Amino acid sequence: MEEPEIVIDARGHRCPVPTLKLRRALERAPEGARLTLLADDPLARIDVPHFLGQVGSELAAVGEEAGAMRFVVIKRPRSPGWE
């Protein structure tokens, strides 16, 4: 059975809160988990891909949903320096 998608709603929060919420969710999620971050801070378009590159998780898709950016993330095994 497939794991349910984890949704992180960071709409209304400004940098760095959306990325911090995503980080906390990734820390709790099992490897292979699919997470969706909703954020309306324009800086998230830069911050989220940069953060994911640092921790080694995959940005599977970016889109728009209800006036917010929608980032779909797949948790990959931890990279050195995660913590």
PDB file of N, CA and C in Angstrom:
ATOM      1  N   MET A   1       0.837  -1.185   0.000  1.00  0.00           N
ATOM      2  CA  MET A   1       0.000   0.000   0.000  1.00  0.00           C
ATOM      3  C   MET A   1       0.879   1.245   0.000  1.00  0.00           C
ATOM      4  N   GLU A   2       0.538   2.224  -0.811  1.00  0.00           N
ATOM      5  CA  GLU A   2       1.313   3.444  -0.955  1.00  0.00           C
ATOM      6  C   GLU A   2       1.072   4.374   0.226  1.00  0.00           C
ATOM      7  N   GLU A   3       2.154   5.042   0.665  1.00  0.00           N
ATOM      8  CA  GLU A   3       2.056   6.013   1.751  1.00  0.00           C
ATOM      9  C   GLU A   3       1.208   7.205   1.304  1.00  0.00           C
ATOM     10  N   PRO A   4       0.407   7.784   2.189  1.00  0.00           N
ATOM     11  CA  PRO A   4      -0.351   8.979   1.808  1.00  0.00           C
ATOM     12  C   PRO A   4       0.596  10.157   1.620  1.00  0.00           C
ATOM     13  N   GLU A   5       0.179  11.092   0.780  1.00  0.00           N
ATOM     14  CA  GLU A   5       0.971  12.285   0.538  1.00  0.00           C
ATOM     15  C   GLU A   5       0.908  13.192   1.770  1.00  0.00           C
ATOM     16  N   ILE A   6       2.030  13.794   2.108  1.00  0.00           N
ATOM     17  CA  ILE A   6       2.116  14.723   3.231  1.00  0.00           C
ATOM     18  C   ILE A   6       2.002  16.135   2.661  1.00  0.00           C
ATOM     19  N   VAL A   7       1.059  16.912   3.169  1.00  0.00           N
ATOM     20  CA  VAL A   7       0.858  18.282   2.680  1.00  0.00           C
ATOM     21  C   VAL A   7       1.292  19.261   3.760  1.00  0.00           C
ATOM     22  N   ILE A   8       2.163  20.193   3.372  1.00  0.00           N
ATOM     23  CA  ILE A   8       2.636  21.245   4.259  1.00  0.00           C
ATOM     24  C   ILE A   8       2.085  22.554   3.715  1.00  0.00           C
ATOM     25  N   ASP A   9       1.193  23.179   4.463  1.00  0.00           N
ATOM     26  CA  ASP A   9       0.580  24.435   4.028  1.00  0.00           C
ATOM     27  C   ASP A   9       1.319  25.588   4.697  1.00  0.00           C
ATOM     28  N   ALA A  10       2.181  26.259   3.931  1.00  0.00           N
ATOM     29  CA  ALA A  10       2.955  27.383   4.455  1.00  0.00           C
ATOM     30  C   ALA A  10       2.477  28.698   3.853  1.00  0.00           C
ATOM     31  N   ARG A  11       1.269  28.706   3.306  1.00  0.00           N
ATOM     32  CA  ARG A  11       0.721  29.952   2.755  1.00  0.00           C
ATOM     33  C   ARG A  11       0.563  30.974   3.878  1.00  0.00           C
ATOM     34  N   GLY A  12       0.913  32.218   3.556  1.00  0.00           N
ATOM     35  CA  GLY A  12       0.818  33.282   4.552  1.00  0.00           C
ATOM     36  C   GLY A  12       2.086  33.460   5.368  1.00  0.00           C
ATOM     37  N   HIS A  13       3.059  32.591   5.185  1.00  0.00           N
ATOM     38  CA  HIS A  13       4.327  32.690   5.908  1.00  0.00           C
ATOM     39  C   HIS A  13       5.411  33.185   4.965  1.00  0.00           C
ATOM     40  N   ARG A  14       6.328  33.942   5.486  1.00  0.00           N
ATOM     41  CA  ARG A  14       7.437  34.482   4.700  1.00  0.00           C
ATOM     42  C   ARG A  14       8.724  33.737   5.023  1.00  0.00           C
ATOM     43  N   CYS A  15       9.686  33.892   4.139  1.00  0.00           N
ATOM     44  CA  CYS A  15      11.003  33.286   4.256  1.00  0.00           C
ATOM     45  C   CYS A  15      11.568  33.550   5.652  1.00  0.00           C
ATOM     46  N   PRO A  16      12.115  32.566   6.300  1.00  0.00           N
ATOM     47  CA  PRO A  16      12.424  31.208   5.860  1.00  0.00           C
ATOM     48  C   PRO A  16      11.405  30.162   6.315  1.00  0.00           C
ATOM     49  N   VAL A  17      10.242  30.579   6.804  1.00  0.00           N
ATOM     50  CA  VAL A  17       9.279  29.643   7.399  1.00  0.00           C
ATOM     51  C   VAL A  17       8.857  28.511   6.452  1.00  0.00           C
ATOM     52  N   PRO A  18       8.512  28.766   5.175  1.00  0.00           N
ATOM     53  CA  PRO A  18       8.121  27.633   4.322  1.00  0.00           C
ATOM     54  C   PRO A  18       9.200  26.546   4.233  1.00  0.00           C
ATOM     55  N   THR A  19      10.450  26.961   4.095  1.00  0.00           N
ATOM     56  CA  THR A  19      11.534  25.981   4.004  1.00  0.00           C
ATOM     57  C   THR A  19      11.733  25.263   5.337  1.00  0.00           C
ATOM     58  N   LEU A  20      11.590  25.971   6.443  1.00  0.00           N
ATOM     59  CA  LEU A  20      11.728  25.334   7.754  1.00  0.00           C
ATOM     60  C   LEU A  20      10.621  24.317   7.986  1.00  0.00           C
ATOM     61  N   LYS A  21       9.395  24.644   7.578  1.00  0.00           N
ATOM     62  CA  LYS A  21       8.293  23.681   7.705  1.00  0.00           C
ATOM     63  C   LYS A  21       8.555  22.442   6.853  1.00  0.00           C
ATOM     64  N   LEU A  22       9.081  22.651   5.647  1.00  0.00           N
ATOM     65  CA  LEU A  22       9.413  21.524   4.782  1.00  0.00           C
ATOM     66  C   LEU A  22      10.506  20.670   5.418  1.00  0.00           C
ATOM     67  N   ARG A  23      11.515  21.303   5.981  1.00  0.00           N
ATOM     68  CA  ARG A  23      12.611  20.572   6.621  1.00  0.00           C
ATOM     69  C   ARG A  23      12.086  19.682   7.755  1.00  0.00           C
ATOM     70  N   ARG A  24      11.240  20.247   8.614  1.00  0.00           N
ATOM     71  CA  ARG A  24      10.678  19.466   9.725  1.00  0.00           C
ATOM     72  C   ARG A  24       9.878  18.275   9.210  1.00  0.00           C
ATOM     73  N   ALA A  25       9.093  18.499   8.170  1.00  0.00           N
ATOM     74  CA  ALA A  25       8.289  17.409   7.608  1.00  0.00           C
ATOM     75  C   ALA A  25       9.189  16.332   7.001  1.00  0.00           C
ATOM     76  N   LEU A  26      10.262  16.727   6.315  1.00  0.00           N
ATOM     77  CA  LEU A  26      11.190  15.758   5.741  1.00  0.00           C
ATOM     78  C   LEU A  26      11.880  14.941   6.831  1.00  0.00           C
ATOM     79  N   GLU A  27      12.206  15.578   7.945  1.00  0.00           N
ATOM     80  CA  GLU A  27      12.862  14.870   9.045  1.00  0.00           C
ATOM     81  C   GLU A  27      11.975  13.763   9.601  1.00  0.00           C
ATOM     82  N   ARG A  28      10.671  13.984   9.625  1.00  0.00           N
ATOM     83  CA  ARG A  28       9.720  13.000  10.175  1.00  0.00           C
ATOM     84  C   ARG A  28       9.284  11.954   9.149  1.00  0.00           C
ATOM     85  N   ALA A  29       9.396  12.279   7.876  1.00  0.00           N
ATOM     86  CA  ALA A  29       8.868  11.409   6.814  1.00  0.00           C
ATOM     87  C   ALA A  29       9.820  10.241   6.534  1.00  0.00           C
ATOM     88  N   PRO A  30       9.264   9.096   6.148  1.00  0.00           N
ATOM     89  CA  PRO A  30      10.114   7.968   5.758  1.00  0.00           C
ATOM     90  C   PRO A  30      10.727   8.200   4.379  1.00  0.00           C
ATOM     91  N   GLU A  31      11.826   7.512   4.099  1.00  0.00           N
ATOM     92  CA  GLU A  31      12.436   7.606   2.770  1.00  0.00           C
ATOM     93  C   GLU A  31      11.414   7.214   1.720  1.00  0.00           C
ATOM     94  N   GLY A  32      11.426   7.927   0.608  1.00  0.00           N
ATOM     95  CA  GLY A  32      10.485   7.658  -0.476  1.00  0.00           C
ATOM     96  C   GLY A  32       9.164   8.376  -0.330  1.00  0.00           C
ATOM     97  N   ALA A  33       8.955   9.055   0.812  1.00  0.00           N
ATOM     98  CA  ALA A  33       7.692   9.765   1.034  1.00  0.00           C
ATOM     99  C   ALA A  33       7.538  10.891   0.020  1.00  0.00           C
ATOM    100  N   ARG A  34       6.289  11.166  -0.310  1.00  0.00           N
ATOM    101  CA  ARG A  34       5.939  12.251  -1.231  1.00  0.00           C
ATOM    102  C   ARG A  34       5.324  13.366  -0.401  1.00  0.00           C
ATOM    103  N   LEU A  35       5.917  14.560  -0.492  1.00  0.00           N
ATOM    104  CA  LEU A  35       5.447  15.708   0.265  1.00  0.00           C
ATOM    105  C   LEU A  35       5.064  16.822  -0.700  1.00  0.00           C
ATOM    106  N   THR A  36       4.025  17.564  -0.357  1.00  0.00           N
ATOM    107  CA  THR A  36       3.623  18.725  -1.145  1.00  0.00           C
ATOM    108  C   THR A  36       3.672  19.945  -0.244  1.00  0.00           C
ATOM    109  N   LEU A  37       4.449  20.938  -0.668  1.00  0.00           N
ATOM    110  CA  LEU A  37       4.544  22.205   0.047  1.00  0.00           C
ATOM    111  C   LEU A  37       3.768  23.251  -0.727  1.00  0.00           C
ATOM    112  N   LEU A  38       2.847  23.928  -0.046  1.00  0.00           N
ATOM    113  CA  LEU A  38       2.126  25.064  -0.624  1.00  0.00           C
ATOM    114  C   LEU A  38       2.686  26.327   0.010  1.00  0.00           C
ATOM    115  N   ALA A  39       3.162  27.256  -0.815  1.00  0.00           N
ATOM    116  CA  ALA A  39       3.752  28.490  -0.317  1.00  0.00           C
ATOM    117  C   ALA A  39       3.409  29.637  -1.256  1.00  0.00           C
ATOM    118  N   ASP A  40       3.146  30.810  -0.669  1.00  0.00           N
ATOM    119  CA  ASP A  40       2.850  31.971  -1.501  1.00  0.00           C
ATOM    120  C   ASP A  40       3.929  33.056  -1.389  1.00  0.00           C
ATOM    121  N   ASP A  41       5.019  32.764  -0.685  1.00  0.00           N
ATOM    122  CA  ASP A  41       6.147  33.691  -0.629  1.00  0.00           C
ATOM    123  C   ASP A  41       6.968  33.521  -1.903  1.00  0.00           C
ATOM    124  N   PRO A  42       7.143  34.582  -2.694  1.00  0.00           N
ATOM    125  CA  PRO A  42       7.898  34.462  -3.947  1.00  0.00           C
ATOM    126  C   PRO A  42       9.316  33.916  -3.765  1.00  0.00           C
ATOM    127  N   LEU A  43       9.924  34.151  -2.609  1.00  0.00           N
ATOM    128  CA  LEU A  43      11.278  33.642  -2.381  1.00  0.00           C
ATOM    129  C   LEU A  43      11.330  32.118  -2.290  1.00  0.00           C
ATOM    130  N   ALA A  44      10.198  31.485  -2.033  1.00  0.00           N
ATOM    131  CA  ALA A  44      10.172  30.022  -1.962  1.00  0.00           C
ATOM    132  C   ALA A  44      10.595  29.408  -3.295  1.00  0.00           C
ATOM    133  N   ARG A  45      10.331  30.094  -4.393  1.00  0.00           N
ATOM    134  CA  ARG A  45      10.714  29.597  -5.718  1.00  0.00           C
ATOM    135  C   ARG A  45      12.234  29.397  -5.817  1.00  0.00           C
ATOM    136  N   ILE A  46      12.985  30.186  -5.049  1.00  0.00           N
ATOM    137  CA  ILE A  46      14.447  30.070  -5.012  1.00  0.00           C
ATOM    138  C   ILE A  46      14.891  29.186  -3.849  1.00  0.00           C
ATOM    139  N   ASP A  47      14.316  29.440  -2.666  1.00  0.00           N
ATOM    140  CA  ASP A  47      14.760  28.771  -1.441  1.00  0.00           C
ATOM    141  C   ASP A  47      14.517  27.267  -1.440  1.00  0.00           C
ATOM    142  N   VAL A  48      13.351  26.840  -1.881  1.00  0.00           N
ATOM    143  CA  VAL A  48      13.003  25.415  -1.801  1.00  0.00           C
ATOM    144  C   VAL A  48      13.923  24.552  -2.673  1.00  0.00           C
ATOM    145  N   PRO A  49      14.111  24.861  -3.967  1.00  0.00           N
ATOM    146  CA  PRO A  49      15.037  24.034  -4.759  1.00  0.00           C
ATOM    147  C   PRO A  49      16.458  24.042  -4.200  1.00  0.00           C
ATOM    148  N   HIS A  50      16.910  25.200  -3.702  1.00  0.00           N
ATOM    149  CA  HIS A  50      18.259  25.290  -3.124  1.00  0.00           C
ATOM    150  C   HIS A  50      18.366  24.372  -1.902  1.00  0.00           C
ATOM    151  N   PHE A  51      17.391  24.445  -1.007  1.00  0.00           N
ATOM    152  CA  PHE A  51      17.376  23.601   0.190  1.00  0.00           C
ATOM    153  C   PHE A  51      17.375  22.115  -0.185  1.00  0.00           C
ATOM    154  N   LEU A  52      16.527  21.735  -1.136  1.00  0.00           N
ATOM    155  CA  LEU A  52      16.439  20.323  -1.524  1.00  0.00           C
ATOM    156  C   LEU A  52      17.755  19.831  -2.118  1.00  0.00           C
ATOM    157  N   GLY A  53      18.447  20.687  -2.845  1.00  0.00           N
ATOM    158  CA  GLY A  53      19.755  20.327  -3.368  1.00  0.00           C
ATOM    159  C   GLY A  53      20.756  20.065  -2.259  1.00  0.00           C
ATOM    160  N   GLN A  54      20.637  20.803  -1.159  1.00  0.00           N
ATOM    161  CA  GLN A  54      21.542  20.622  -0.023  1.00  0.00           C
ATOM    162  C   GLN A  54      21.283  19.309   0.710  1.00  0.00           C
ATOM    163  N   VAL A  55      20.018  18.909   0.815  1.00  0.00           N
ATOM    164  CA  VAL A  55      19.699  17.700   1.589  1.00  0.00           C
ATOM    165  C   VAL A  55      19.539  16.462   0.727  1.00  0.00           C
ATOM    166  N   GLY A  56      19.569  16.637  -0.587  1.00  0.00           N
ATOM    167  CA  GLY A  56      19.534  15.479  -1.473  1.00  0.00           C
ATOM    168  C   GLY A  56      18.157  14.932  -1.780  1.00  0.00           C
ATOM    169  N   SER A  57      17.099  15.657  -1.426  1.00  0.00           N
ATOM    170  CA  SER A  57      15.762  15.207  -1.792  1.00  0.00           C
ATOM    171  C   SER A  57      15.419  15.738  -3.178  1.00  0.00           C
ATOM    172  N   GLU A  58      14.427  15.123  -3.795  1.00  0.00           N
ATOM    173  CA  GLU A  58      14.097  15.408  -5.200  1.00  0.00           C
ATOM    174  C   GLU A  58      12.900  16.346  -5.321  1.00  0.00           C
ATOM    175  N   LEU A  59      13.053  17.382  -6.125  1.00  0.00           N
ATOM    176  CA  LEU A  59      11.937  18.253  -6.478  1.00  0.00           C
ATOM    177  C   LEU A  59      11.290  17.629  -7.706  1.00  0.00           C
ATOM    178  N   ALA A  60      10.170  16.943  -7.498  1.00  0.00           N
ATOM    179  CA  ALA A  60       9.528  16.182  -8.572  1.00  0.00           C
ATOM    180  C   ALA A  60       8.672  17.058  -9.479  1.00  0.00           C
ATOM    181  N   ALA A  61       8.104  18.142  -8.935  1.00  0.00           N
ATOM    182  CA  ALA A  61       7.245  19.008  -9.736  1.00  0.00           C
ATOM    183  C   ALA A  61       7.062  20.349  -9.039  1.00  0.00           C
ATOM    184  N   VAL A  62       6.833  21.374  -9.849  1.00  0.00           N
ATOM    185  CA  VAL A  62       6.498  22.707  -9.345  1.00  0.00           C
ATOM    186  C   VAL A  62       5.303  23.181 -10.155  1.00  0.00           C
ATOM    187  N   GLY A  63       4.320  23.730  -9.471  1.00  0.00           N
ATOM    188  CA  GLY A  63       3.148  24.226 -10.172  1.00  0.00           C
ATOM    189  C   GLY A  63       2.446  25.278  -9.340  1.00  0.00           C
ATOM    190  N   GLU A  64       1.221  25.572  -9.725  1.00  0.00           N
ATOM    191  CA  GLU A  64       0.407  26.554  -9.015  1.00  0.00           C
ATOM    192  C   GLU A  64      -0.856  25.866  -8.517  1.00  0.00           C
ATOM    193  N   GLU A  65      -1.287  26.269  -7.337  1.00  0.00           N
ATOM    194  CA  GLU A  65      -2.533  25.734  -6.778  1.00  0.00           C
ATOM    195  C   GLU A  65      -3.153  26.797  -5.884  1.00  0.00           C
ATOM    196  N   ALA A  66      -4.351  27.212  -6.193  1.00  0.00           N
ATOM    197  CA  ALA A  66      -5.107  28.173  -5.386  1.00  0.00           C
ATOM    198  C   ALA A  66      -4.287  29.421  -5.058  1.00  0.00           C
ATOM    199  N   GLY A  67      -3.593  29.972  -6.058  1.00  0.00           N
ATOM    200  CA  GLY A  67      -2.829  31.188  -5.862  1.00  0.00           C
ATOM    201  C   GLY A  67      -1.505  31.010  -5.144  1.00  0.00           C
ATOM    202  N   ALA A  68      -1.084  29.775  -4.968  1.00  0.00           N
ATOM    203  CA  ALA A  68       0.189  29.498  -4.291  1.00  0.00           C
ATOM    204  C   ALA A  68       1.045  28.601  -5.172  1.00  0.00           C
ATOM    205  N   MET A  69       2.333  28.589  -4.880  1.00  0.00           N
ATOM    206  CA  MET A  69       3.224  27.641  -5.547  1.00  0.00           C
ATOM    207  C   MET A  69       3.051  26.283  -4.879  1.00  0.00           C
ATOM    208  N   ARG A  70       3.141  25.252  -5.689  1.00  0.00           N
ATOM    209  CA  ARG A  70       2.990  23.875  -5.202  1.00  0.00           C
ATOM    210  C   ARG A  70       4.266  23.129  -5.570  1.00  0.00           C
ATOM    211  N   PHE A  71       5.019  22.731  -4.543  1.00  0.00           N
ATOM    212  CA  PHE A  71       6.256  21.980  -4.730  1.00  0.00           C
ATOM    213  C   PHE A  71       6.005  20.536  -4.319  1.00  0.00           C
ATOM    214  N   VAL A  72       6.251  19.598  -5.218  1.00  0.00           N
ATOM    215  CA  VAL A  72       6.114  18.180  -4.899  1.00  0.00           C
ATOM    216  C   VAL A  72       7.526  17.634  -4.703  1.00  0.00           C
ATOM    217  N   VAL A  73       7.752  17.040  -3.541  1.00  0.00           N
ATOM    218  CA  VAL A  73       9.078  16.607  -3.120  1.00  0.00           C
ATOM    219  C   VAL A  73       9.053  15.117  -2.805  1.00  0.00           C
ATOM    220  N   ILE A  74      10.108  14.415  -3.216  1.00  0.00           N
ATOM    221  CA  ILE A  74      10.288  13.013  -2.854  1.00  0.00           C
ATOM    222  C   ILE A  74      11.486  12.943  -1.920  1.00  0.00           C
ATOM    223  N   LYS A  75      11.285  12.375  -0.730  1.00  0.00           N
ATOM    224  CA  LYS A  75      12.388  12.264   0.221  1.00  0.00           C
ATOM    225  C   LYS A  75      13.332  11.158  -0.227  1.00  0.00           C
ATOM    226  N   ARG A  76      14.584  11.504  -0.361  1.00  0.00           N
ATOM    227  CA  ARG A  76      15.646  10.565  -0.713  1.00  0.00           C
ATOM    228  C   ARG A  76      16.490  10.297   0.518  1.00  0.00           C
ATOM    229  N   PRO A  77      17.346   9.278   0.464  1.00  0.00           N
ATOM    230  CA  PRO A  77      18.209   9.001   1.626  1.00  0.00           C
ATOM    231  C   PRO A  77      19.012  10.238   2.009  1.00  0.00           C
ATOM    232  N   ARG A  78      19.298  10.347   3.274  1.00  0.00           N
ATOM    233  CA  ARG A  78      20.012  11.510   3.782  1.00  0.00           C
ATOM    234  C   ARG A  78      21.384  11.661   3.163  1.00  0.00           C
ATOM    235  N   SER A  79      21.703  12.895   2.846  1.00  0.00           N
ATOM    236  CA  SER A  79      23.029  13.224   2.333  1.00  0.00           C
ATOM    237  C   SER A  79      23.950  13.512   3.515  1.00  0.00           C
ATOM    238  N   PRO A  80      25.270  13.384   3.327  1.00  0.00           N
ATOM    239  CA  PRO A  80      26.184  13.816   4.372  1.00  0.00           C
ATOM    240  C   PRO A  80      25.931  15.292   4.676  1.00  0.00           C
ATOM    241  N   GLY A  81      25.966  15.657   5.942  1.00  0.00           N
ATOM    242  CA  GLY A  81      25.740  17.041   6.306  1.00  0.00           C
ATOM    243  C   GLY A  81      24.286  17.419   6.475  1.00  0.00           C
ATOM    244  N   TRP A  82      23.364  16.423   6.451  1.00  0.00           N
ATOM    245  CA  TRP A  82      21.920  16.710   6.611  1.00  0.00           C
ATOM    246  C   TRP A  82      21.664  17.447   7.907  1.00  0.00           C
ATOM    247  N   GLU A  83      22.288  16.989   8.995  1.00  0.00           N
ATOM    248  CA  GLU A  83      21.992  17.587  10.298  1.00  0.00           C
ATOM    249  C   GLU A  83      22.999  18.621  10.683  1.00  0.00           C
TER     250      GLU A  83
END
